[in-house]
C-alpha atoms as a PDB file:
ATOM      1  CA  UNK A   1      13.623   5.584  38.377  1.00  0.00           C
ATOM      2  CA  UNK A   2      14.929   4.227  41.678  1.00  0.00           C
ATOM      3  CA  UNK A   3      13.042   6.984  43.513  1.00  0.00           C
ATOM      4  CA  UNK A   4       9.685   6.208  41.865  1.00  0.00           C
ATOM      5  CA  UNK A   5       6.953   4.451  43.798  1.00  0.00           C
ATOM      6  CA  UNK A   6       4.763   2.256  41.603  1.00  0.00           C
ATOM      7  CA  UNK A   7       1.259   1.511  42.941  1.00  0.00           C
ATOM      8  CA  UNK A   8       0.427  -2.170  43.360  1.00  0.00           C
ATOM      9  CA  UNK A   9      -2.615  -1.842  41.071  1.00  0.00           C
ATOM     10  CA  UNK A  10      -0.479  -0.621  38.148  1.00  0.00           C
ATOM     11  CA  UNK A  11      -0.119  -2.522  34.860  1.00  0.00           C
ATOM     12  CA  UNK A  12       3.213  -2.751  33.068  1.00  0.00           C
ATOM     13  CA  UNK A  13       3.155  -2.258  29.303  1.00  0.00           C
ATOM     14  CA  UNK A  14       6.314  -2.633  27.224  1.00  0.00           C
ATOM     15  CA  UNK A  15       7.102  -2.049  23.588  1.00  0.00           C
ATOM     16  CA  UNK A  16       9.889  -3.567  21.513  1.00  0.00           C
ATOM     17  CA  UNK A  17      11.008  -2.293  18.113  1.00  0.00           C
ATOM     18  CA  UNK A  18      11.691  -5.199  15.770  1.00  0.00           C
ATOM     19  CA  UNK A  19      13.804  -5.045  12.595  1.00  0.00           C
ATOM     20  CA  UNK A  20      14.044  -1.262  12.637  1.00  0.00           C
ATOM     21  CA  UNK A  21      17.124  -1.340  10.399  1.00  0.00           C
ATOM     22  CA  UNK A  22      15.257  -3.126   7.615  1.00  0.00           C
ATOM     23  CA  UNK A  23      12.053  -1.079   7.962  1.00  0.00           C
ATOM     24  CA  UNK A  24      13.340   2.471   7.622  1.00  0.00           C
ATOM     25  CA  UNK A  25      15.031   4.191   4.701  1.00  0.00           C
ATOM     26  CA  UNK A  26      18.764   4.558   5.283  1.00  0.00           C
ATOM     27  CA  UNK A  27      18.914   8.089   3.856  1.00  0.00           C
ATOM     28  CA  UNK A  28      16.114   9.325   6.098  1.00  0.00           C
ATOM     29  CA  UNK A  29      17.672   7.659   9.121  1.00  0.00           C
ATOM     30  CA  UNK A  30      21.004   9.349   8.376  1.00  0.00           C
ATOM     31  CA  UNK A  31      19.247  12.695   7.922  1.00  0.00           C
ATOM     32  CA  UNK A  32      17.481  12.296  11.279  1.00  0.00           C
ATOM     33  CA  UNK A  33      20.780  11.590  13.057  1.00  0.00           C
ATOM     34  CA  UNK A  34      22.480  14.531  11.375  1.00  0.00           C
ATOM     35  CA  UNK A  35      19.634  16.834  12.457  1.00  0.00           C
ATOM     36  CA  UNK A  36      19.927  15.505  16.015  1.00  0.00           C
ATOM     37  CA  UNK A  37      23.639  16.349  15.977  1.00  0.00           C
ATOM     38  CA  UNK A  38      22.846  19.886  14.777  1.00  0.00           C
ATOM     39  CA  UNK A  39      20.152  20.386  17.418  1.00  0.00           C
ATOM     40  CA  UNK A  40      22.438  19.101  20.198  1.00  0.00           C
ATOM     41  CA  UNK A  41      25.998  20.181  19.348  1.00  0.00           C
ATOM     42  CA  UNK A  42      28.937  18.767  21.273  1.00  0.00           C
ATOM     43  CA  UNK A  43      32.439  20.127  20.540  1.00  0.00           C
ATOM     44  CA  UNK A  44      34.002  16.885  21.824  1.00  0.00           C
ATOM     45  CA  UNK A  45      31.981  14.711  19.456  1.00  0.00           C
ATOM     46  CA  UNK A  46      33.510  13.979  15.997  1.00  0.00           C
ATOM     47  CA  UNK A  47      30.274  14.413  14.043  1.00  0.00           C
ATOM     48  CA  UNK A  48      31.829  14.026  10.594  1.00  0.00           C
ATOM     49  CA  UNK A  49      33.658  10.815  11.457  1.00  0.00           C
ATOM     50  CA  UNK A  50      30.637   9.327  13.256  1.00  0.00           C
ATOM     51  CA  UNK A  51      28.361  10.003  10.273  1.00  0.00           C
ATOM     52  CA  UNK A  52      30.907   8.555   7.879  1.00  0.00           C
ATOM     53  CA  UNK A  53      31.288   5.421  10.007  1.00  0.00           C
ATOM     54  CA  UNK A  54      27.515   5.108  10.263  1.00  0.00           C
ATOM     55  CA  UNK A  55      27.200   5.379   6.480  1.00  0.00           C
ATOM     56  CA  UNK A  56      29.746   2.595   5.982  1.00  0.00           C
ATOM     57  CA  UNK A  57      28.063   0.426   8.588  1.00  0.00           C
ATOM     58  CA  UNK A  58      24.573   0.816   7.085  1.00  0.00           C
ATOM     59  CA  UNK A  59      25.389   0.619   3.387  1.00  0.00           C
ATOM     60  CA  UNK A  60      28.412  -1.697   3.200  1.00  0.00           C
ATOM     61  CA  UNK A  61      27.326  -4.894   4.940  1.00  0.00           C
ATOM     62  CA  UNK A  62      29.137  -7.086   2.408  1.00  0.00           C
ATOM     63  CA  UNK A  63      32.172  -5.577   0.684  1.00  0.00           C
ATOM     64  CA  UNK A  64      35.399  -6.458  -1.145  1.00  0.00           C
ATOM     65  CA  UNK A  65      38.805  -5.450   0.145  1.00  0.00           C
ATOM     66  CA  UNK A  66      42.257  -6.623  -0.992  1.00  0.00           C
ATOM     67  CA  UNK A  67      40.647  -9.234  -3.302  1.00  0.00           C
ATOM     68  CA  UNK A  68      38.664 -10.775  -0.429  1.00  0.00           C
ATOM     69  CA  UNK A  69      34.949 -10.677   0.273  1.00  0.00           C
ATOM     70  CA  UNK A  70      33.933  -9.813   3.831  1.00  0.00           C
ATOM     71  CA  UNK A  71      30.456 -10.855   4.988  1.00  0.00           C
ATOM     72  CA  UNK A  72      28.377  -9.477   7.819  1.00  0.00           C
ATOM     73  CA  UNK A  73      29.411 -11.889  10.562  1.00  0.00           C
ATOM     74  CA  UNK A  74      26.600 -10.776  12.885  1.00  0.00           C
ATOM     75  CA  UNK A  75      23.898 -11.658  10.348  1.00  0.00           C
ATOM     76  CA  UNK A  76      21.108 -13.224  12.427  1.00  0.00           C
ATOM     77  CA  UNK A  77      19.624 -15.142   9.449  1.00  0.00           C
ATOM     78  CA  UNK A  78      16.197 -14.667  11.040  1.00  0.00           C
ATOM     79  CA  UNK A  79      14.420 -16.638   8.332  1.00  0.00           C
ATOM     80  CA  UNK A  80      11.144 -18.563   8.478  1.00  0.00           C
ATOM     81  CA  UNK A  81      10.830 -21.640  10.626  1.00  0.00           C
ATOM     82  CA  UNK A  82      10.324 -24.749   8.510  1.00  0.00           C
ATOM     83  CA  UNK A  83       7.159 -25.609  10.405  1.00  0.00           C
ATOM     84  CA  UNK A  84       5.523 -22.209   9.918  1.00  0.00           C
ATOM     85  CA  UNK A  85       2.243 -21.975   7.999  1.00  0.00           C
ATOM     86  CA  UNK A  86       3.615 -21.127   4.551  1.00  0.00           C
ATOM     87  CA  UNK A  87       3.437 -22.869   1.156  1.00  0.00           C
ATOM     88  CA  UNK A  88       6.383 -25.260   0.511  1.00  0.00           C
ATOM     89  CA  UNK A  89       7.866 -23.234  -2.339  1.00  0.00           C
ATOM     90  CA  UNK A  90       8.375 -20.298   0.039  1.00  0.00           C
ATOM     91  CA  UNK A  91      11.072 -22.129   2.004  1.00  0.00           C
ATOM     92  CA  UNK A  92      12.856 -23.245  -1.161  1.00  0.00           C
ATOM     93  CA  UNK A  93      12.756 -19.705  -2.524  1.00  0.00           C
ATOM     94  CA  UNK A  94      14.210 -18.193   0.657  1.00  0.00           C
ATOM     95  CA  UNK A  95      17.162 -20.588   0.783  1.00  0.00           C
ATOM     96  CA  UNK A  96      17.806 -20.268  -2.938  1.00  0.00           C
ATOM     97  CA  UNK A  97      17.728 -16.463  -2.729  1.00  0.00           C
ATOM     98  CA  UNK A  98      20.323 -16.497   0.062  1.00  0.00           C
ATOM     99  CA  UNK A  99      22.594 -18.814  -1.924  1.00  0.00           C
ATOM    100  CA  UNK A 100      22.297 -16.647  -5.010  1.00  0.00           C
ATOM    101  CA  UNK A 101      23.207 -13.627  -2.894  1.00  0.00           C
ATOM    102  CA  UNK A 102      26.316 -15.384  -1.565  1.00  0.00           C
ATOM    103  CA  UNK A 103      27.328 -16.427  -5.080  1.00  0.00           C
ATOM    104  CA  UNK A 104      27.003 -12.853  -6.319  1.00  0.00           C
ATOM    105  CA  UNK A 105      29.075 -11.210  -3.594  1.00  0.00           C
ATOM    106  CA  UNK A 106      31.706 -13.938  -3.028  1.00  0.00           C
ATOM    107  CA  UNK A 107      34.678 -13.767  -5.390  1.00  0.00           C
ATOM    108  CA  UNK A 108      36.329 -16.923  -3.999  1.00  0.00           C
ATOM    109  CA  UNK A 109      34.896 -20.410  -3.612  1.00  0.00           C
ATOM    110  CA  UNK A 110      36.186 -20.598  -0.021  1.00  0.00           C
ATOM    111  CA  UNK A 111      34.164 -17.537   0.953  1.00  0.00           C
ATOM    112  CA  UNK A 112      31.034 -19.011  -0.664  1.00  0.00           C
ATOM    113  CA  UNK A 113      31.428 -22.343   1.152  1.00  0.00           C
ATOM    114  CA  UNK A 114      32.032 -20.580   4.473  1.00  0.00           C
ATOM    115  CA  UNK A 115      28.944 -18.380   4.089  1.00  0.00           C
ATOM    116  CA  UNK A 116      26.841 -21.367   2.984  1.00  0.00           C
ATOM    117  CA  UNK A 117      28.003 -23.412   5.968  1.00  0.00           C
ATOM    118  CA  UNK A 118      27.079 -20.606   8.376  1.00  0.00           C
ATOM    119  CA  UNK A 119      23.634 -20.240   6.793  1.00  0.00           C
ATOM    120  CA  UNK A 120      22.912 -23.976   6.834  1.00  0.00           C
ATOM    121  CA  UNK A 121      23.980 -24.262  10.490  1.00  0.00           C
ATOM    122  CA  UNK A 122      21.439 -21.606  11.470  1.00  0.00           C
ATOM    123  CA  UNK A 123      18.697 -23.071   9.281  1.00  0.00           C
ATOM    124  CA  UNK A 124      19.194 -26.526  10.791  1.00  0.00           C
ATOM    125  CA  UNK A 125      18.199 -25.042  14.149  1.00  0.00           C
ATOM    126  CA  UNK A 126      15.040 -23.636  12.522  1.00  0.00           C
ATOM    127  CA  UNK A 127      13.795 -27.025  11.326  1.00  0.00           C
ATOM    128  CA  UNK A 128      15.386 -27.351   7.861  1.00  0.00           C
ATOM    129  CA  UNK A 129      16.697 -30.859   7.142  1.00  0.00           C
ATOM    130  CA  UNK A 130      20.167 -31.512   5.738  1.00  0.00           C
ATOM    131  CA  UNK A 131      18.766 -33.288   2.679  1.00  0.00           C
ATOM    132  CA  UNK A 132      16.469 -30.337   1.928  1.00  0.00           C
ATOM    133  CA  UNK A 133      19.331 -27.821   2.072  1.00  0.00           C
ATOM    134  CA  UNK A 134      21.748 -30.012   0.091  1.00  0.00           C
ATOM    135  CA  UNK A 135      19.139 -30.602  -2.613  1.00  0.00           C
ATOM    136  CA  UNK A 136      18.645 -26.858  -3.095  1.00  0.00           C
ATOM    137  CA  UNK A 137      22.403 -26.293  -3.264  1.00  0.00           C
ATOM    138  CA  UNK A 138      22.761 -29.112  -5.803  1.00  0.00           C
ATOM    139  CA  UNK A 139      19.935 -27.719  -7.958  1.00  0.00           C
ATOM    140  CA  UNK A 140      21.560 -24.297  -7.844  1.00  0.00           C
ATOM    141  CA  UNK A 141      24.846 -25.692  -9.136  1.00  0.00           C
ATOM    142  CA  UNK A 142      23.447 -28.061 -11.775  1.00  0.00           C
ATOM    143  CA  UNK A 143      20.317 -26.264 -12.976  1.00  0.00           C
ATOM    144  CA  UNK A 144      20.910 -22.579 -13.600  1.00  0.00           C
ATOM    145  CA  UNK A 145      17.747 -20.580 -13.652  1.00  0.00           C
ATOM    146  CA  UNK A 146      16.435 -19.731 -17.115  1.00  0.00           C
ATOM    147  CA  UNK A 147      13.989 -16.992 -17.989  1.00  0.00           C
ATOM    148  CA  UNK A 148      10.567 -18.100 -19.251  1.00  0.00           C
ATOM    149  CA  UNK A 149       8.986 -15.540 -21.576  1.00  0.00           C
ATOM    150  CA  UNK A 150       5.579 -17.253 -21.745  1.00  0.00           C
ATOM    151  CA  UNK A 151       2.628 -14.974 -20.955  1.00  0.00           C
ATOM    152  CA  UNK A 152       1.230 -15.601 -17.504  1.00  0.00           C
ATOM    153  CA  UNK A 153      -2.129 -15.707 -15.763  1.00  0.00           C
ATOM    154  CA  UNK A 154      -1.747 -14.566 -12.123  1.00  0.00           C
ATOM    155  CA  UNK A 155      -3.681 -16.529  -9.510  1.00  0.00           C
ATOM    156  CA  UNK A 156      -3.674 -15.063  -5.996  1.00  0.00           C
ATOM    157  CA  UNK A 157      -5.556 -15.860  -2.803  1.00  0.00           C
ATOM    158  CA  UNK A 158      -5.097 -16.002   0.939  1.00  0.00           C
ATOM    159  CA  UNK A 159      -3.147 -19.083   1.917  1.00  0.00           C
ATOM    160  CA  UNK A 160      -4.937 -22.067   3.411  1.00  0.00           C
ATOM    161  CA  UNK A 161      -4.964 -25.820   2.934  1.00  0.00           C
ATOM    162  CA  UNK A 162      -8.100 -25.502   0.767  1.00  0.00           C
ATOM    163  CA  UNK A 163      -6.570 -22.726  -1.353  1.00  0.00           C
ATOM    164  CA  UNK A 164      -3.442 -24.816  -1.834  1.00  0.00           C
ATOM    165  CA  UNK A 165      -5.451 -27.693  -3.292  1.00  0.00           C
ATOM    166  CA  UNK A 166      -7.501 -25.321  -5.440  1.00  0.00           C
ATOM    167  CA  UNK A 167      -4.366 -23.713  -6.894  1.00  0.00           C
ATOM    168  CA  UNK A 168      -2.892 -27.121  -7.671  1.00  0.00           C
ATOM    169  CA  UNK A 169      -6.093 -28.272  -9.411  1.00  0.00           C
ATOM    170  CA  UNK A 170      -6.322 -25.107 -11.501  1.00  0.00           C
ATOM    171  CA  UNK A 171      -2.684 -25.286 -12.596  1.00  0.00           C
ATOM    172  CA  UNK A 172      -2.906 -28.984 -13.505  1.00  0.00           C
ATOM    173  CA  UNK A 173      -6.090 -28.561 -15.602  1.00  0.00           C
ATOM    174  CA  UNK A 174      -5.569 -25.077 -17.046  1.00  0.00           C
ATOM    175  CA  UNK A 175      -4.092 -26.185 -20.382  1.00  0.00           C
ATOM    176  CA  UNK A 176      -6.835 -28.773 -20.935  1.00  0.00           C
ATOM    177  CA  UNK A 177      -9.736 -26.473 -20.092  1.00  0.00           C
ATOM    178  CA  UNK A 178      -8.327 -23.516 -22.030  1.00  0.00           C
ATOM    179  CA  UNK A 179      -7.097 -25.542 -25.033  1.00  0.00           C
ATOM    180  CA  UNK A 180      -9.314 -23.758 -27.575  1.00  0.00           C
ATOM    181  CA  UNK A 181      -9.083 -20.246 -26.148  1.00  0.00           C
ATOM    182  CA  UNK A 182      -6.747 -17.314 -26.741  1.00  0.00           C
ATOM    183  CA  UNK A 183      -4.942 -17.931 -23.456  1.00  0.00           C
ATOM    184  CA  UNK A 184      -4.126 -21.579 -24.126  1.00  0.00           C
ATOM    185  CA  UNK A 185      -0.399 -20.734 -24.325  1.00  0.00           C
ATOM    186  CA  UNK A 186      -0.406 -18.875 -21.011  1.00  0.00           C
ATOM    187  CA  UNK A 187       1.190 -20.177 -17.838  1.00  0.00           C
ATOM    188  CA  UNK A 188      -0.555 -19.995 -14.474  1.00  0.00           C
ATOM    189  CA  UNK A 189       1.566 -18.381 -11.745  1.00  0.00           C
ATOM    190  CA  UNK A 190       0.069 -18.829  -8.290  1.00  0.00           C
ATOM    191  CA  UNK A 191       0.840 -16.687  -5.277  1.00  0.00           C
ATOM    192  CA  UNK A 192      -0.535 -16.428  -1.773  1.00  0.00           C
ATOM    193  CA  UNK A 193      -1.315 -13.395   0.339  1.00  0.00           C
ATOM    194  CA  UNK A 194      -0.576 -13.343   4.035  1.00  0.00           C
ATOM    195  CA  UNK A 195      -3.616 -13.876   6.194  1.00  0.00           C
ATOM    196  CA  UNK A 196      -4.466 -11.057   8.612  1.00  0.00           C
ATOM    197  CA  UNK A 197      -2.929 -11.569  12.049  1.00  0.00           C
ATOM    198  CA  UNK A 198      -2.696  -9.714  15.338  1.00  0.00           C
ATOM    199  CA  UNK A 199       0.855  -8.505  14.710  1.00  0.00           C
ATOM    200  CA  UNK A 200      -0.136  -6.987  11.375  1.00  0.00           C
ATOM    201  CA  UNK A 201      -3.063  -5.176  12.977  1.00  0.00           C
ATOM    202  CA  UNK A 202      -1.026  -3.801  15.884  1.00  0.00           C
ATOM    203  CA  UNK A 203       2.183  -2.947  14.029  1.00  0.00           C
ATOM    204  CA  UNK A 204       0.991  -1.764  10.636  1.00  0.00           C
ATOM    205  CA  UNK A 205      -2.468  -0.420  11.387  1.00  0.00           C
ATOM    206  CA  UNK A 206      -3.087   3.121  10.155  1.00  0.00           C
ATOM    207  CA  UNK A 207      -5.100   5.722  12.013  1.00  0.00           C
ATOM    208  CA  UNK A 208      -8.741   5.660  11.030  1.00  0.00           C
ATOM    209  CA  UNK A 209      -9.711   8.885   9.299  1.00  0.00           C
ATOM    210  CA  UNK A 210     -13.119   8.714  10.995  1.00  0.00           C
ATOM    211  CA  UNK A 211     -11.530   9.272  14.395  1.00  0.00           C
ATOM    212  CA  UNK A 212      -8.920  11.862  13.408  1.00  0.00           C
ATOM    213  CA  UNK A 213     -10.786  14.804  11.860  1.00  0.00           C
ATOM    214  CA  UNK A 214      -8.817  17.653  10.343  1.00  0.00           C
ATOM    215  CA  UNK A 215      -9.856  21.233   9.671  1.00  0.00           C
ATOM    216  CA  UNK A 216     -11.326  20.284   6.257  1.00  0.00           C
ATOM    217  CA  UNK A 217     -12.737  16.871   7.222  1.00  0.00           C
ATOM    218  CA  UNK A 218     -16.544  16.641   6.679  1.00  0.00           C
ATOM    219  CA  UNK A 219     -18.364  15.814   9.902  1.00  0.00           C
ATOM    220  CA  UNK A 220     -21.973  14.838  10.568  1.00  0.00           C
ATOM    221  CA  UNK A 221     -23.704  14.753  13.947  1.00  0.00           C
ATOM    222  CA  UNK A 222     -26.453  12.423  15.057  1.00  0.00           C
ATOM    223  CA  UNK A 223     -29.928  13.748  15.779  1.00  0.00           C
ATOM    224  CA  UNK A 224     -29.965  15.544  19.148  1.00  0.00           C
ATOM    225  CA  UNK A 225     -26.394  14.430  19.700  1.00  0.00           C
ATOM    226  CA  UNK A 226     -23.188  16.367  20.318  1.00  0.00           C
ATOM    227  CA  UNK A 227     -21.033  13.559  18.940  1.00  0.00           C
ATOM    228  CA  UNK A 228     -19.658  14.161  15.444  1.00  0.00           C
ATOM    229  CA  UNK A 229     -18.640  11.437  12.985  1.00  0.00           C
ATOM    230  CA  UNK A 230     -16.173  12.005  10.159  1.00  0.00           C
ATOM    231  CA  UNK A 231     -17.522  11.123   6.736  1.00  0.00           C
ATOM    232  CA  UNK A 232     -15.532  10.124   3.690  1.00  0.00           C
ATOM    233  CA  UNK A 233     -13.842  12.986   1.861  1.00  0.00           C
ATOM    234  CA  UNK A 234     -14.230  13.612  -1.868  1.00  0.00           C
ATOM    235  CA  UNK A 235     -17.843  12.431  -2.218  1.00  0.00           C
ATOM    236  CA  UNK A 236     -20.444  14.397  -4.184  1.00  0.00           C
ATOM    237  CA  UNK A 237     -23.746  13.995  -6.067  1.00  0.00           C
ATOM    238  CA  UNK A 238     -22.056  11.807  -8.721  1.00  0.00           C
ATOM    239  CA  UNK A 239     -20.778   9.230  -6.199  1.00  0.00           C
ATOM    240  CA  UNK A 240     -22.009   5.674  -6.763  1.00  0.00           C
ATOM    241  CA  UNK A 241     -22.450   2.692  -4.495  1.00  0.00           C
ATOM    242  CA  UNK A 242     -22.728   4.813  -1.387  1.00  0.00           C
ATOM    243  CA  UNK A 243     -24.408   5.303   1.979  1.00  0.00           C
ATOM    244  CA  UNK A 244     -25.969   8.711   2.644  1.00  0.00           C
ATOM    245  CA  UNK A 245     -27.991  10.704   5.155  1.00  0.00           C
ATOM    246  CA  UNK A 246     -31.187  12.633   4.450  1.00  0.00           C
ATOM    247  CA  UNK A 247     -31.858  15.273   7.073  1.00  0.00           C
ATOM    248  CA  UNK A 248     -34.788  17.529   7.780  1.00  0.00           C
ATOM    249  CA  UNK A 249     -33.739  21.028   8.801  1.00  0.00           C
ATOM    250  CA  UNK A 250     -36.487  21.041  11.412  1.00  0.00           C
ATOM    251  CA  UNK A 251     -36.012  17.660  13.040  1.00  0.00           C
ATOM    252  CA  UNK A 252     -34.776  14.163  12.191  1.00  0.00           C
ATOM    253  CA  UNK A 253     -32.417  12.082  10.044  1.00  0.00           C
ATOM    254  CA  UNK A 254     -32.590   9.028   7.817  1.00  0.00           C
ATOM    255  CA  UNK A 255     -29.716   6.855   6.564  1.00  0.00           C
ATOM    256  CA  UNK A 256     -30.076   5.079   3.230  1.00  0.00           C
ATOM    257  CA  UNK A 257     -27.993   3.276   0.629  1.00  0.00           C
ATOM    258  CA  UNK A 258     -27.986   3.087  -3.161  1.00  0.00           C
ATOM    259  CA  UNK A 259     -26.029   1.432  -5.940  1.00  0.00           C
ATOM    260  CA  UNK A 260     -26.851   4.317  -8.304  1.00  0.00           C
ATOM    261  CA  UNK A 261     -25.460   7.810  -8.143  1.00  0.00           C
ATOM    262  CA  UNK A 262     -26.516   9.959  -5.205  1.00  0.00           C
ATOM    263  CA  UNK A 263     -28.165  12.432  -7.590  1.00  0.00           C
ATOM    264  CA  UNK A 264     -30.318   9.683  -9.186  1.00  0.00           C
ATOM    265  CA  UNK A 265     -31.462   8.467  -5.782  1.00  0.00           C
ATOM    266  CA  UNK A 266     -32.290  12.011  -4.632  1.00  0.00           C
ATOM    267  CA  UNK A 267     -34.355  12.701  -7.768  1.00  0.00           C
ATOM    268  CA  UNK A 268     -36.278   9.498  -7.096  1.00  0.00           C
ATOM    269  CA  UNK A 269     -37.125  10.631  -3.567  1.00  0.00           C
ATOM    270  CA  UNK A 270     -38.156  14.099  -4.722  1.00  0.00           C
ATOM    271  CA  UNK A 271     -40.428  12.553  -7.361  1.00  0.00           C
ATOM    272  CA  UNK A 272     -42.070  10.267  -4.793  1.00  0.00           C
ATOM    273  CA  UNK A 273     -42.621  13.124  -2.351  1.00  0.00           C
ATOM    274  CA  UNK A 274     -44.087  15.521  -4.937  1.00  0.00           C
ATOM    275  CA  UNK A 275     -46.451  12.908  -6.414  1.00  0.00           C
ATOM    276  CA  UNK A 276     -47.204  11.128  -3.117  1.00  0.00           C
ATOM    277  CA  UNK A 277     -45.738   7.864  -4.355  1.00  0.00           C
ATOM    278  CA  UNK A 278     -45.430   5.385  -1.503  1.00  0.00           C
ATOM    279  CA  UNK A 279     -47.422   7.444   1.041  1.00  0.00           C
ATOM    280  CA  UNK A 280     -47.067   4.651   3.595  1.00  0.00           C
ATOM    281  CA  UNK A 281     -43.339   5.344   3.986  1.00  0.00           C
ATOM    282  CA  UNK A 282     -42.175   7.630   6.766  1.00  0.00           C
ATOM    283  CA  UNK A 283     -39.935   9.601   4.412  1.00  0.00           C
ATOM    284  CA  UNK A 284     -42.734  10.582   2.032  1.00  0.00           C
ATOM    285  CA  UNK A 285     -45.186  11.404   4.854  1.00  0.00           C
ATOM    286  CA  UNK A 286     -42.639  13.546   6.661  1.00  0.00           C
ATOM    287  CA  UNK A 287     -41.588  15.756   3.749  1.00  0.00           C
ATOM    288  CA  UNK A 288     -45.134  16.028   2.453  1.00  0.00           C
ATOM    289  CA  UNK A 289     -45.795  17.707   5.804  1.00  0.00           C
ATOM    290  CA  UNK A 290     -42.533  19.682   6.218  1.00  0.00           C
ATOM    291  CA  UNK A 291     -41.849  20.506   2.558  1.00  0.00           C
ATOM    292  CA  UNK A 292     -38.932  19.747   0.258  1.00  0.00           C
ATOM    293  CA  UNK A 293     -37.215  23.022   1.177  1.00  0.00           C
ATOM    294  CA  UNK A 294     -36.221  21.409   4.480  1.00  0.00           C
ATOM    295  CA  UNK A 295     -34.640  18.347   2.832  1.00  0.00           C
ATOM    296  CA  UNK A 296     -30.849  18.071   2.706  1.00  0.00           C
ATOM    297  CA  UNK A 297     -28.743  15.079   1.687  1.00  0.00           C
ATOM    298  CA  UNK A 298     -25.132  14.260   2.571  1.00  0.00           C
ATOM    299  CA  UNK A 299     -22.957  11.362   1.324  1.00  0.00           C
ATOM    300  CA  UNK A 300     -21.410   9.388   4.177  1.00  0.00           C
ATOM    301  CA  UNK A 301     -19.310   6.602   2.690  1.00  0.00           C
ATOM    302  CA  UNK A 302     -18.686   4.964  -0.684  1.00  0.00           C
ATOM    303  CA  UNK A 303     -16.681   1.967  -1.962  1.00  0.00           C
ATOM    304  CA  UNK A 304     -16.346   0.979  -5.603  1.00  0.00           C
ATOM    305  CA  UNK A 305     -16.174  -2.748  -4.886  1.00  0.00           C
ATOM    306  CA  UNK A 306     -19.084  -2.941  -2.445  1.00  0.00           C
ATOM    307  CA  UNK A 307     -21.634  -5.686  -3.006  1.00  0.00           C
ATOM    308  CA  UNK A 308     -25.268  -5.072  -2.083  1.00  0.00           C
ATOM    309  CA  UNK A 309     -24.796  -6.929   1.185  1.00  0.00           C
ATOM    310  CA  UNK A 310     -21.659  -4.979   2.102  1.00  0.00           C
ATOM    311  CA  UNK A 311     -23.369  -1.691   1.294  1.00  0.00           C
ATOM    312  CA  UNK A 312     -26.357  -2.561   3.482  1.00  0.00           C
ATOM    313  CA  UNK A 313     -24.031  -3.602   6.282  1.00  0.00           C
ATOM    314  CA  UNK A 314     -22.346  -0.184   6.110  1.00  0.00           C
ATOM    315  CA  UNK A 315     -25.811   1.405   6.161  1.00  0.00           C
ATOM    316  CA  UNK A 316     -26.648  -0.410   9.416  1.00  0.00           C
ATOM    317  CA  UNK A 317     -23.383   0.768  10.947  1.00  0.00           C
ATOM    318  CA  UNK A 318     -24.211   4.397  10.149  1.00  0.00           C
ATOM    319  CA  UNK A 319     -27.762   3.965  11.488  1.00  0.00           C
ATOM    320  CA  UNK A 320     -26.285   2.885  14.814  1.00  0.00           C
ATOM    321  CA  UNK A 321     -23.736   5.709  14.876  1.00  0.00           C
ATOM    322  CA  UNK A 322     -26.309   8.416  14.170  1.00  0.00           C
ATOM    323  CA  UNK A 323     -28.911   6.746  16.407  1.00  0.00           C
ATOM    324  CA  UNK A 324     -31.434   6.483  13.578  1.00  0.00           C
ATOM    325  CA  UNK A 325     -32.509   2.994  14.652  1.00  0.00           C
ATOM    326  CA  UNK A 326     -34.332   4.316  17.739  1.00  0.00           C
ATOM    327  CA  UNK A 327     -38.118   3.893  17.147  1.00  0.00           C
ATOM    328  CA  UNK A 328     -38.849   7.449  18.292  1.00  0.00           C
ATOM    329  CA  UNK A 329     -36.779   8.834  15.436  1.00  0.00           C
ATOM    330  CA  UNK A 330     -39.138   9.311  12.539  1.00  0.00           C
ATOM    331  CA  UNK A 331     -37.011   7.992   9.691  1.00  0.00           C
ATOM    332  CA  UNK A 332     -35.817   5.027  11.696  1.00  0.00           C
ATOM    333  CA  UNK A 333     -39.366   3.579  11.648  1.00  0.00           C
ATOM    334  CA  UNK A 334     -39.031   2.118   8.180  1.00  0.00           C
ATOM    335  CA  UNK A 335     -36.214   1.957   5.672  1.00  0.00           C
ATOM    336  CA  UNK A 336     -37.080   2.845   2.118  1.00  0.00           C
END
């Protein structure tokens, strides 16, 4: 790299892998390293011993030896900051879970107190107060957790200050409102989903199937366009709640949407064309002139949970992709 000359107009992009150890399966990681050893043999390298040491290092973070419990002294305890945007019970649950883990793996009280002291010292730097930590430790020692076998009603939503108040109101009034119903003895368990953020989009985003066509991926091209767009796989004439494209073999395209099955919608169009129903529409006029033998229909996209508004939004997106919204295109003149 010392011999490289970097132009002044260049941009530097870097990438950092975070928490790789906790995000990959240990067995697959071991298999990848073993394959790398086989592909690049070195007679001076003790492959067997290195793999065995790696296995111990990855699978035996906390272990017992000679009646003593040894903890992972390099544990970073990279837990949530106390001031992060999470519901209050999340912080209590994290600390309690760590203490329960220490209690399970520590056979001596001295080891437990040492591990707890190390954890609390790190958490103090992350905004946790001494009284908060001591209260959780006291509750753990005086109030062992008991299992509640009551049937539950799950309540989930994205976390926000408004959702927090709504959850609290529902839980406080559930028994009163549902007193005379079959679920009066149920218990409401609330949970929050993480809101979408930039890190989640960049780190965990999957490749869009519309931009990565395979040999069996259905593709449709816009009118007089060389650009192809991947459509959703597995759709057919029985698909419901979908967006589709009607195409004339001689000329243009039209994108439409329906909440019924594609077959029902197609039969409706054929009926209108044969009996000249709605002659003012561009679709009927066109196929009355060109004939039904030139009509083809293709499903583009379908979602079970689509509302009417979401389905029409998807329709507009496909109209733009296939360039059906241009006034010169026949079927773009009026939607049906």
